Full PDB file with SEQRES, HELIX, SHEET, SSBOND, CRYST1, ORIGX, SCALE, CONECT and MASTER records, all heavy atoms in Angstrom:
SEQRES   1 A   33  GLY GLY SER VAL GLN PRO GLY GLY SER LEU ARG LEU SER          
SEQRES   2 A   33  CYS VAL VAL SER GLY VAL THR PHE GLY ASN TYR ALA MET          
SEQRES   3 A   33  GLY TRP PHE ARG GLN ALA PRO                                  
HELIX    1 AA1 PHE A   21  ASN A   23  5                                   3    
CRYST1    1.000    1.000    1.000  90.00  90.00  90.00 P 1           1          
ORIGX1      1.000000  0.000000  0.000000        0.00000                         
ORIGX2      0.000000  1.000000  0.000000        0.00000                         
ORIGX3      0.000000  0.000000  1.000000        0.00000                         
SCALE1      1.000000  0.000000  0.000000        0.00000                         
SCALE2      0.000000  1.000000  0.000000        0.00000                         
SCALE3      0.000000  0.000000  1.000000        0.00000                         
ATOM      1  N   GLY A   1      41.946-107.181  50.882  1.00  0.00           N  
ATOM      2  CA  GLY A   1      41.330-107.579  52.138  1.00  0.00           C  
ATOM      3  C   GLY A   1      42.365-107.764  53.232  1.00  0.00           C  
ATOM      4  O   GLY A   1      43.573-107.746  52.987  1.00  0.00           O  
ATOM      5  N   GLY A   2      41.893-107.937  54.452  1.00  0.00           N  
ATOM      6  CA  GLY A   2      42.786-108.146  55.573  1.00  0.00           C  
ATOM      7  C   GLY A   2      42.052-108.018  56.883  1.00  0.00           C  
ATOM      8  O   GLY A   2      40.823-108.009  56.923  1.00  0.00           O  
ATOM      9  N   SER A   3      42.822-107.911  57.944  1.00  0.00           N  
ATOM     10  CA  SER A   3      42.268-107.779  59.287  1.00  0.00           C  
ATOM     11  C   SER A   3      42.541-106.384  59.818  1.00  0.00           C  
ATOM     12  O   SER A   3      43.671-105.899  59.715  1.00  0.00           O  
ATOM     13  CB  SER A   3      42.895-108.819  60.217  1.00  0.00           C  
ATOM     14  OG  SER A   3      42.560-110.118  59.814  1.00  0.00           O  
ATOM     15  N   VAL A   4      41.519-105.772  60.372  1.00  0.00           N  
ATOM     16  CA  VAL A   4      41.662-104.437  60.943  1.00  0.00           C  
ATOM     17  C   VAL A   4      40.876-104.364  62.234  1.00  0.00           C  
ATOM     18  O   VAL A   4      39.957-105.153  62.475  1.00  0.00           O  
ATOM     19  CB  VAL A   4      41.183-103.332  59.991  1.00  0.00           C  
ATOM     20  CG1 VAL A   4      42.041-103.261  58.755  1.00  0.00           C  
ATOM     21  CG2 VAL A   4      39.721-103.519  59.644  1.00  0.00           C  
ATOM     22  N   GLN A   5      41.219-103.392  63.042  1.00  0.00           N  
ATOM     23  CA  GLN A   5      40.485-103.146  64.272  1.00  0.00           C  
ATOM     24  C   GLN A   5      39.268-102.273  63.978  1.00  0.00           C  
ATOM     25  O   GLN A   5      39.238-101.557  62.966  1.00  0.00           O  
ATOM     26  CB  GLN A   5      41.382-102.452  65.290  1.00  0.00           C  
ATOM     27  CG  GLN A   5      42.524-103.326  65.789  1.00  0.00           C  
ATOM     28  CD  GLN A   5      43.301-102.655  66.894  1.00  0.00           C  
ATOM     29  OE1 GLN A   5      43.297-101.431  67.045  1.00  0.00           O  
ATOM     30  NE2 GLN A   5      43.988-103.464  67.696  1.00  0.00           N  
ATOM     31  N   PRO A   6      38.260-102.344  64.823  1.00  0.00           N  
ATOM     32  CA  PRO A   6      37.106-101.458  64.633  1.00  0.00           C  
ATOM     33  C   PRO A   6      37.537 -99.999  64.529  1.00  0.00           C  
ATOM     34  O   PRO A   6      38.417 -99.554  65.268  1.00  0.00           O  
ATOM     35  CB  PRO A   6      36.274-101.709  65.891  1.00  0.00           C  
ATOM     36  CG  PRO A   6      36.621-103.103  66.286  1.00  0.00           C  
ATOM     37  CD  PRO A   6      38.085-103.264  65.966  1.00  0.00           C  
ATOM     38  N   GLY A   7      36.917 -99.303  63.591  1.00  0.00           N  
ATOM     39  CA  GLY A   7      37.292 -97.913  63.332  1.00  0.00           C  
ATOM     40  C   GLY A   7      38.345 -97.755  62.264  1.00  0.00           C  
ATOM     41  O   GLY A   7      38.612 -96.632  61.818  1.00  0.00           O  
ATOM     42  N   GLY A   8      38.935 -98.863  61.839  1.00  0.00           N  
ATOM     43  CA  GLY A   8      39.982 -98.812  60.844  1.00  0.00           C  
ATOM     44  C   GLY A   8      39.456 -98.704  59.424  1.00  0.00           C  
ATOM     45  O   GLY A   8      38.243 -98.643  59.198  1.00  0.00           O  
ATOM     46  N   SER A   9      40.389 -98.700  58.485  1.00  0.00           N  
ATOM     47  CA  SER A   9      40.056 -98.532  57.069  1.00  0.00           C  
ATOM     48  C   SER A   9      40.777 -99.566  56.222  1.00  0.00           C  
ATOM     49  O   SER A   9      41.846-100.054  56.593  1.00  0.00           O  
ATOM     50  CB  SER A   9      40.464 -97.132  56.591  1.00  0.00           C  
ATOM     51  OG  SER A   9      39.802 -96.126  57.318  1.00  0.00           O  
ATOM     52  N   LEU A  10      40.164 -99.878  55.094  1.00  0.00           N  
ATOM     53  CA  LEU A  10      40.775-100.723  54.074  1.00  0.00           C  
ATOM     54  C   LEU A  10      40.310-100.234  52.724  1.00  0.00           C  
ATOM     55  O   LEU A  10      39.199 -99.701  52.593  1.00  0.00           O  
ATOM     56  CB  LEU A  10      40.357-102.189  54.238  1.00  0.00           C  
ATOM     57  CG  LEU A  10      41.037-103.063  55.285  1.00  0.00           C  
ATOM     58  CD1 LEU A  10      40.356-104.424  55.327  1.00  0.00           C  
ATOM     59  CD2 LEU A  10      42.512-103.211  55.015  1.00  0.00           C  
ATOM     60  N   ARG A  11      41.130-100.468  51.712  1.00  0.00           N  
ATOM     61  CA  ARG A  11      40.708-100.202  50.337  1.00  0.00           C  
ATOM     62  C   ARG A  11      40.827-101.478  49.535  1.00  0.00           C  
ATOM     63  O   ARG A  11      41.911-102.060  49.413  1.00  0.00           O  
ATOM     64  CB  ARG A  11      41.537 -99.106  49.678  1.00  0.00           C  
ATOM     65  CG  ARG A  11      40.968 -98.719  48.319  1.00  0.00           C  
ATOM     66  CD  ARG A  11      41.692 -97.571  47.657  1.00  0.00           C  
ATOM     67  NE  ARG A  11      42.906 -97.988  46.976  1.00  0.00           N  
ATOM     68  CZ  ARG A  11      43.458 -97.310  45.975  1.00  0.00           C  
ATOM     69  NH1 ARG A  11      42.909 -96.200  45.538  1.00  0.00           N  
ATOM     70  NH2 ARG A  11      44.579 -97.748  45.434  1.00  0.00           N  
ATOM     71  N   LEU A  12      39.704-101.896  48.995  1.00  0.00           N  
ATOM     72  CA  LEU A  12      39.672-103.063  48.118  1.00  0.00           C  
ATOM     73  C   LEU A  12      39.813-102.612  46.668  1.00  0.00           C  
ATOM     74  O   LEU A  12      39.305-101.569  46.290  1.00  0.00           O  
ATOM     75  CB  LEU A  12      38.361-103.828  48.289  1.00  0.00           C  
ATOM     76  CG  LEU A  12      37.986-104.236  49.709  1.00  0.00           C  
ATOM     77  CD1 LEU A  12      36.683-105.047  49.690  1.00  0.00           C  
ATOM     78  CD2 LEU A  12      39.101-105.004  50.383  1.00  0.00           C  
ATOM     79  N   SER A  13      40.505-103.432  45.891  1.00  0.00           N  
ATOM     80  CA  SER A  13      40.673-103.165  44.467  1.00  0.00           C  
ATOM     81  C   SER A  13      40.123-104.335  43.668  1.00  0.00           C  
ATOM     82  O   SER A  13      40.124-105.472  44.145  1.00  0.00           O  
ATOM     83  CB  SER A  13      42.149-102.961  44.125  1.00  0.00           C  
ATOM     84  OG  SER A  13      42.697-101.860  44.799  1.00  0.00           O  
ATOM     85  N   CYS A  14      39.703-104.035  42.450  1.00  0.00           N  
ATOM     86  CA  CYS A  14      39.123-105.055  41.570  1.00  0.00           C  
ATOM     87  C   CYS A  14      39.579-104.762  40.151  1.00  0.00           C  
ATOM     88  O   CYS A  14      39.161-103.757  39.571  1.00  0.00           O  
ATOM     89  CB  CYS A  14      37.617-105.023  41.688  1.00  0.00           C  
ATOM     90  SG  CYS A  14      36.743-106.044  40.471  1.00  0.00           S  
ATOM     91  N   VAL A  15      40.416-105.614  39.624  1.00  0.00           N  
ATOM     92  CA  VAL A  15      40.919-105.442  38.268  1.00  0.00           C  
ATOM     93  C   VAL A  15      40.132-106.339  37.324  1.00  0.00           C  
ATOM     94  O   VAL A  15      39.982-107.541  37.581  1.00  0.00           O  
ATOM     95  CB  VAL A  15      42.414-105.770  38.187  1.00  0.00           C  
ATOM     96  CG1 VAL A  15      42.910-105.619  36.763  1.00  0.00           C  
ATOM     97  CG2 VAL A  15      43.215-104.875  39.131  1.00  0.00           C  
ATOM     98  N   VAL A  16      39.661-105.757  36.244  1.00  0.00           N  
ATOM     99  CA  VAL A  16      38.869-106.492  35.258  1.00  0.00           C  
ATOM    100  C   VAL A  16      39.620-106.516  33.936  1.00  0.00           C  
ATOM    101  O   VAL A  16      40.118-105.478  33.486  1.00  0.00           O  
ATOM    102  CB  VAL A  16      37.489-105.848  35.070  1.00  0.00           C  
ATOM    103  CG1 VAL A  16      36.673-106.635  34.032  1.00  0.00           C  
ATOM    104  CG2 VAL A  16      36.739-105.776  36.386  1.00  0.00           C  
ATOM    105  N   SER A  17      39.701-107.656  33.329  1.00  0.00           N  
ATOM    106  CA  SER A  17      40.354-107.784  32.030  1.00  0.00           C  
ATOM    107  C   SER A  17      39.440-108.546  31.074  1.00  0.00           C  
ATOM    108  O   SER A  17      38.538-109.268  31.499  1.00  0.00           O  
ATOM    109  CB  SER A  17      41.696-108.508  32.165  1.00  0.00           C  
ATOM    110  OG  SER A  17      41.517-109.787  32.724  1.00  0.00           O  
ATOM    111  N   GLY A  18      39.687-108.350  29.785  1.00  0.00           N  
ATOM    112  CA  GLY A  18      38.939-109.083  28.775  1.00  0.00           C  
ATOM    113  C   GLY A  18      37.713-108.382  28.244  1.00  0.00           C  
ATOM    114  O   GLY A  18      37.010-108.940  27.397  1.00  0.00           O  
ATOM    115  N   VAL A  19      37.429-107.174  28.739  1.00  0.00           N  
ATOM    116  CA  VAL A  19      36.298-106.379  28.259  1.00  0.00           C  
ATOM    117  C   VAL A  19      36.706-104.909  28.235  1.00  0.00           C  
ATOM    118  O   VAL A  19      37.725-104.535  28.822  1.00  0.00           O  
ATOM    119  CB  VAL A  19      35.052-106.519  29.158  1.00  0.00           C  
ATOM    120  CG1 VAL A  19      34.494-107.932  29.100  1.00  0.00           C  
ATOM    121  CG2 VAL A  19      35.343-106.092  30.591  1.00  0.00           C  
ATOM    122  N   THR A  20      35.898-104.085  27.562  1.00  0.00           N  
ATOM    123  CA  THR A  20      36.094-102.635  27.635  1.00  0.00           C  
ATOM    124  C   THR A  20      35.463-102.178  28.936  1.00  0.00           C  
ATOM    125  O   THR A  20      34.249-102.010  29.047  1.00  0.00           O  
ATOM    126  CB  THR A  20      35.439-101.950  26.429  1.00  0.00           C  
ATOM    127  OG1 THR A  20      35.995-102.496  25.224  1.00  0.00           O  
ATOM    128  CG2 THR A  20      35.695-100.456  26.474  1.00  0.00           C  
ATOM    129  N   PHE A  21      36.308-101.988  29.924  1.00  0.00           N  
ATOM    130  CA  PHE A  21      35.873-101.814  31.312  1.00  0.00           C  
ATOM    131  C   PHE A  21      34.852-100.700  31.475  1.00  0.00           C  
ATOM    132  O   PHE A  21      33.842-100.856  32.174  1.00  0.00           O  
ATOM    133  CB  PHE A  21      37.112-101.542  32.165  1.00  0.00           C  
ATOM    134  CG  PHE A  21      36.858-101.373  33.626  1.00  0.00           C  
ATOM    135  CD1 PHE A  21      36.388-102.424  34.396  1.00  0.00           C  
ATOM    136  CD2 PHE A  21      37.098-100.160  34.255  1.00  0.00           C  
ATOM    137  CE1 PHE A  21      36.164-102.274  35.753  1.00  0.00           C  
ATOM    138  CE2 PHE A  21      36.880 -99.985  35.607  1.00  0.00           C  
ATOM    139  CZ  PHE A  21      36.414-101.042  36.368  1.00  0.00           C  
ATOM    140  N   GLY A  22      35.066 -99.569  30.830  1.00  0.00           N  
ATOM    141  CA  GLY A  22      34.200 -98.418  31.001  1.00  0.00           C  
ATOM    142  C   GLY A  22      32.795 -98.605  30.453  1.00  0.00           C  
ATOM    143  O   GLY A  22      31.927 -97.771  30.696  1.00  0.00           O  
ATOM    144  N   ASN A  23      32.554 -99.693  29.745  1.00  0.00           N  
ATOM    145  CA  ASN A  23      31.234 -99.965  29.188  1.00  0.00           C  
ATOM    146  C   ASN A  23      30.283-100.658  30.152  1.00  0.00           C  
ATOM    147  O   ASN A  23      29.142-100.943  29.802  1.00  0.00           O  
ATOM    148  CB  ASN A  23      31.356-100.837  27.936  1.00  0.00           C  
ATOM    149  CG  ASN A  23      31.893-100.059  26.740  1.00  0.00           C  
ATOM    150  OD1 ASN A  23      32.048 -98.846  26.792  1.00  0.00           O  
ATOM    151  ND2 ASN A  23      32.203-100.777  25.673  1.00  0.00           N  
ATOM    152  N   TYR A  24      30.778-100.935  31.365  1.00  0.00           N  
ATOM    153  CA  TYR A  24      29.983-101.733  32.298  1.00  0.00           C  
ATOM    154  C   TYR A  24      29.969-101.132  33.693  1.00  0.00           C  
ATOM    155  O   TYR A  24      31.001-100.676  34.194  1.00  0.00           O  
ATOM    156  CB  TYR A  24      30.525-103.160  32.371  1.00  0.00           C  
ATOM    157  CG  TYR A  24      30.507-103.855  31.044  1.00  0.00           C  
ATOM    158  CD1 TYR A  24      31.632-103.872  30.233  1.00  0.00           C  
ATOM    159  CD2 TYR A  24      29.340-104.446  30.569  1.00  0.00           C  
ATOM    160  CE1 TYR A  24      31.609-104.477  28.988  1.00  0.00           C  
ATOM    161  CE2 TYR A  24      29.309-105.050  29.325  1.00  0.00           C  
ATOM    162  CZ  TYR A  24      30.444-105.062  28.536  1.00  0.00           C  
ATOM    163  OH  TYR A  24      30.409-105.663  27.310  1.00  0.00           O  
ATOM    164  N   ALA A  25      28.795-101.169  34.299  1.00  0.00           N  
ATOM    165  CA  ALA A  25      28.706-100.849  35.716  1.00  0.00           C  
ATOM    166  C   ALA A  25      29.397-101.953  36.512  1.00  0.00           C  
ATOM    167  O   ALA A  25      29.529-103.088  36.051  1.00  0.00           O  
ATOM    168  CB  ALA A  25      27.247-100.727  36.136  1.00  0.00           C  
ATOM    169  N   MET A  26      29.826-101.595  37.706  1.00  0.00           N  
ATOM    170  CA  MET A  26      30.494-102.554  38.594  1.00  0.00           C  
ATOM    171  C   MET A  26      29.815-102.535  39.956  1.00  0.00           C  
ATOM    172  O   MET A  26      29.280-101.506  40.391  1.00  0.00           O  
ATOM    173  CB  MET A  26      31.964-102.197  38.767  1.00  0.00           C  
ATOM    174  CG  MET A  26      32.801-102.306  37.492  1.00  0.00           C  
ATOM    175  SD  MET A  26      32.935-104.004  36.891  1.00  0.00           S  
ATOM    176  CE  MET A  26      33.790-104.788  38.259  1.00  0.00           C  
ATOM    177  N   GLY A  27      29.859-103.669  40.617  1.00  0.00           N  
ATOM    178  CA  GLY A  27      29.268-103.747  41.940  1.00  0.00           C  
ATOM    179  C   GLY A  27      30.160-104.470  42.924  1.00  0.00           C  
ATOM    180  O   GLY A  27      31.026-105.258  42.532  1.00  0.00           O  
ATOM    181  N   TRP A  28      29.948-104.152  44.178  1.00  0.00           N  
ATOM    182  CA  TRP A  28      30.592-104.872  45.277  1.00  0.00           C  
ATOM    183  C   TRP A  28      29.490-105.535  46.111  1.00  0.00           C  
ATOM    184  O   TRP A  28      28.475-104.916  46.415  1.00  0.00           O  
ATOM    185  CB  TRP A  28      31.400-103.941  46.164  1.00  0.00           C  
ATOM    186  CG  TRP A  28      32.704-103.497  45.577  1.00  0.00           C  
ATOM    187  CD1 TRP A  28      32.939-102.348  44.889  1.00  0.00           C  
ATOM    188  CD2 TRP A  28      33.951-104.186  45.629  1.00  0.00           C  
ATOM    189  NE1 TRP A  28      34.257-102.282  44.507  1.00  0.00           N  
ATOM    190  CE2 TRP A  28      34.903-103.403  44.953  1.00  0.00           C  
ATOM    191  CE3 TRP A  28      34.371-105.406  46.185  1.00  0.00           C  
ATOM    192  CZ2 TRP A  28      36.245-103.784  44.810  1.00  0.00           C  
ATOM    193  CZ3 TRP A  28      35.695-105.782  46.055  1.00  0.00           C  
ATOM    194  CH2 TRP A  28      36.611-104.982  45.368  1.00  0.00           C  
ATOM    195  N   PHE A  29      29.735-106.761  46.475  1.00  0.00           N  
ATOM    196  CA  PHE A  29      28.844-107.527  47.337  1.00  0.00           C  
ATOM    197  C   PHE A  29      29.667-108.087  48.492  1.00  0.00           C  
ATOM    198  O   PHE A  29      30.895-108.100  48.434  1.00  0.00           O  
ATOM    199  CB  PHE A  29      28.218-108.698  46.561  1.00  0.00           C  
ATOM    200  CG  PHE A  29      27.232-108.284  45.501  1.00  0.00           C  
ATOM    201  CD1 PHE A  29      27.661-107.722  44.303  1.00  0.00           C  
ATOM    202  CD2 PHE A  29      25.872-108.473  45.687  1.00  0.00           C  
ATOM    203  CE1 PHE A  29      26.758-107.349  43.323  1.00  0.00           C  
ATOM    204  CE2 PHE A  29      24.951-108.109  44.714  1.00  0.00           C  
ATOM    205  CZ  PHE A  29      25.399-107.541  43.534  1.00  0.00           C  
ATOM    206  N   ARG A  30      29.004-108.576  49.520  1.00  0.00           N  
ATOM    207  CA  ARG A  30      29.715-109.222  50.606  1.00  0.00           C  
ATOM    208  C   ARG A  30      28.871-110.347  51.185  1.00  0.00           C  
ATOM    209  O   ARG A  30      27.642-110.327  51.103  1.00  0.00           O  
ATOM    210  CB  ARG A  30      30.081-108.224  51.711  1.00  0.00           C  
ATOM    211  CG  ARG A  30      28.890-107.630  52.453  1.00  0.00           C  
ATOM    212  CD  ARG A  30      29.378-106.561  53.432  1.00  0.00           C  
ATOM    213  NE  ARG A  30      28.264-105.945  54.153  1.00  0.00           N  
ATOM    214  CZ  ARG A  30      28.391-104.922  54.983  1.00  0.00           C  
ATOM    215  NH1 ARG A  30      29.594-104.387  55.202  1.00  0.00           N  
ATOM    216  NH2 ARG A  30      27.332-104.432  55.595  1.00  0.00           N  
ATOM    217  N   GLN A  31      29.568-111.317  51.757  1.00  0.00           N  
ATOM    218  CA  GLN A  31      28.893-112.436  52.404  1.00  0.00           C  
ATOM    219  C   GLN A  31      29.534-112.679  53.753  1.00  0.00           C  
ATOM    220  O   GLN A  31      30.708-113.073  53.827  1.00  0.00           O  
ATOM    221  CB  GLN A  31      28.961-113.700  51.550  1.00  0.00           C  
ATOM    222  CG  GLN A  31      28.137-114.839  52.116  1.00  0.00           C  
ATOM    223  CD  GLN A  31      27.947-115.981  51.131  1.00  0.00           C  
ATOM    224  OE1 GLN A  31      28.703-116.115  50.171  1.00  0.00           O  
ATOM    225  NE2 GLN A  31      26.935-116.777  51.345  1.00  0.00           N  
ATOM    226  N   ALA A  32      28.769-112.413  54.790  1.00  0.00           N  
ATOM    227  CA  ALA A  32      29.230-112.642  56.155  1.00  0.00           C  
ATOM    228  C   ALA A  32      29.043-114.117  56.509  1.00  0.00           C  
ATOM    229  O   ALA A  32      28.192-114.800  55.911  1.00  0.00           O  
ATOM    230  CB  ALA A  32      28.454-111.761  57.113  1.00  0.00           C  
ATOM    231  N   PRO A  33      29.803-114.609  57.467  1.00  0.00           N  
ATOM    232  CA  PRO A  33      29.676-116.018  57.862  1.00  0.00           C  
ATOM    233  C   PRO A  33      28.241-116.364  58.236  1.00  0.00           C  
ATOM    234  O   PRO A  33      27.606-115.676  59.040  1.00  0.00           O  
ATOM    235  CB  PRO A  33      30.607-116.130  59.070  1.00  0.00           C  
ATOM    236  CG  PRO A  33      31.619-115.057  58.864  1.00  0.00           C  
ATOM    237  CD  PRO A  33      30.878-113.931  58.207  1.00  0.00           C  
TER     238      PRO A  33                                                      
MASTER        0    0    0    1    0    0    0    6  237    1    0    3          
END                                                                             
């Protein structure tokens, strides 16, 4: 995460440990103020 100007780009990463990762679907959610 971070701060960007409109029109910019970011890449979020999510590392999962403790499970066989490929056995599960993954989702992204967000909560605005």
